[in-house]
Amino acid sequence: MGPLDALWHLGNLFAVPLGLGLLSAALAKLLWRRELAAVTWRRLATPACAVCALVVLAGLVAFGRDGKMATYAAMVAACALTLWWRGFGPGRR
């Protein structure tokens, strides 16, 4: 595998966590507009993307390959928990 192929593999590995983090933060800001008015979109999206990327890496280590449904389920749960923490929980400050 060449360096360009490795770059594409890494990009595809982190595309789903990045998309989920960005999209879920935008939807949270849209659905809970009044409640999340004081919280910026970037403050929600950054930790959501980071947690999703960590879950994908943990799933890759645990299962030996990416793309397992258990990894995606854990990523969705971790993203929701992170958004709650940053938007409504103690991490809001």
Protein backbone atom coordinates (compact mmCIF):
# COMPACT_ATOMS: atom_id res chain seq x y z
CA MET A 1 0.00 0.00 0.00
CA GLY A 2 1.37 3.37 -0.97
CA PRO A 3 1.19 6.58 1.04
CA LEU A 4 -1.77 7.89 -0.95
CA ASP A 5 -3.70 4.68 -0.32
CA ALA A 6 -2.91 4.90 3.39
CA LEU A 7 -4.16 8.49 3.43
CA TRP A 8 -7.42 7.45 1.77
CA HIS A 9 -7.86 4.61 4.27
CA LEU A 10 -7.39 6.98 7.20
CA GLY A 11 -9.75 9.49 5.65
CA ASN A 12 -12.42 6.86 5.16
CA LEU A 13 -11.90 5.52 8.68
CA PHE A 14 -12.59 8.93 10.22
CA ALA A 15 -15.25 10.13 7.76
CA VAL A 16 -18.14 8.47 9.61
CA PRO A 17 -17.19 9.76 13.09
CA LEU A 18 -16.63 13.26 11.73
CA GLY A 19 -19.95 13.23 9.88
CA LEU A 20 -21.85 11.87 12.86
CA GLY A 21 -20.35 14.42 15.25
CA LEU A 22 -21.00 17.39 12.97
CA LEU A 23 -24.48 16.34 11.91
CA SER A 24 -25.67 15.38 15.38
CA ALA A 25 -24.45 18.67 16.87
CA ALA A 26 -26.27 20.60 14.14
CA LEU A 27 -29.46 18.62 14.68
CA ALA A 28 -29.25 19.08 18.45
CA LYS A 29 -28.90 22.85 17.98
CA LEU A 30 -31.88 22.78 15.62
CA LEU A 31 -34.17 20.64 17.78
CA TRP A 32 -33.37 22.26 21.13
CA ARG A 33 -32.91 25.81 19.86
CA ARG A 34 -33.94 27.63 23.05
CA GLU A 35 -32.27 25.27 25.48
CA LEU A 36 -28.96 25.27 23.58
CA ALA A 37 -28.94 28.97 22.67
CA ALA A 38 -26.09 29.65 25.11
CA VAL A 39 -23.96 26.76 23.79
CA THR A 40 -22.13 27.30 20.52
CA TRP A 41 -22.25 24.73 17.76
CA ARG A 42 -18.47 24.34 17.84
CA ARG A 43 -18.60 23.61 21.58
CA LEU A 44 -20.97 20.73 20.84
CA ALA A 45 -19.40 19.42 17.63
CA THR A 46 -15.73 19.30 18.64
CA PRO A 47 -16.03 16.86 21.57
CA ALA A 48 -18.68 14.84 19.74
CA CYS A 49 -16.33 14.28 16.79
CA ALA A 50 -13.42 13.48 19.10
CA VAL A 51 -15.40 10.92 21.09
CA CYS A 52 -16.73 9.28 17.93
CA ALA A 53 -13.19 8.99 16.55
CA LEU A 54 -11.97 7.43 19.80
CA VAL A 55 -14.80 4.90 19.73
CA VAL A 56 -13.96 3.95 16.14
CA LEU A 57 -10.32 3.43 17.12
CA ALA A 58 -11.37 1.37 20.16
CA GLY A 59 -13.61 -0.74 17.92
CA LEU A 60 -10.75 -1.25 15.48
CA VAL A 61 -8.50 -2.43 18.31
CA ALA A 62 -11.18 -4.58 19.97
CA PHE A 63 -12.53 -6.30 16.85
CA GLY A 64 -9.47 -6.21 14.61
CA ARG A 65 -11.32 -4.45 11.80
CA ASP A 66 -13.58 -1.48 11.31
CA GLY A 67 -17.19 -1.37 10.18
CA LYS A 68 -18.70 -3.60 12.87
CA MET A 69 -22.27 -2.72 13.87
CA ALA A 70 -21.31 -2.91 17.54
CA THR A 71 -18.75 -0.16 16.95
CA TYR A 72 -21.32 2.02 15.19
CA ALA A 73 -23.85 1.46 17.99
CA ALA A 74 -21.25 2.41 20.59
CA MET A 75 -20.32 5.45 18.53
CA VAL A 76 -23.94 6.67 18.42
CA ALA A 77 -24.37 6.12 22.17
CA ALA A 78 -21.09 7.89 22.99
CA CYS A 79 -21.99 10.79 20.70
CA ALA A 80 -25.41 11.20 22.32
CA LEU A 81 -23.89 11.07 25.80
CA THR A 82 -21.26 13.65 24.85
CA LEU A 83 -23.86 15.99 23.37
CA TRP A 84 -25.99 15.68 26.47
CA TRP A 85 -22.96 16.34 28.69
CA ARG A 86 -21.90 19.46 26.75
CA GLY A 87 -25.42 20.75 26.09
CA PHE A 88 -27.46 19.96 29.18
CA GLY A 89 -25.24 18.28 31.78
CA PRO A 90 -22.45 19.44 34.07
CA GLY A 91 -20.08 20.05 31.14
CA ARG A 92 -22.24 22.92 29.91
CA ARG A 93 -20.29 25.61 31.77
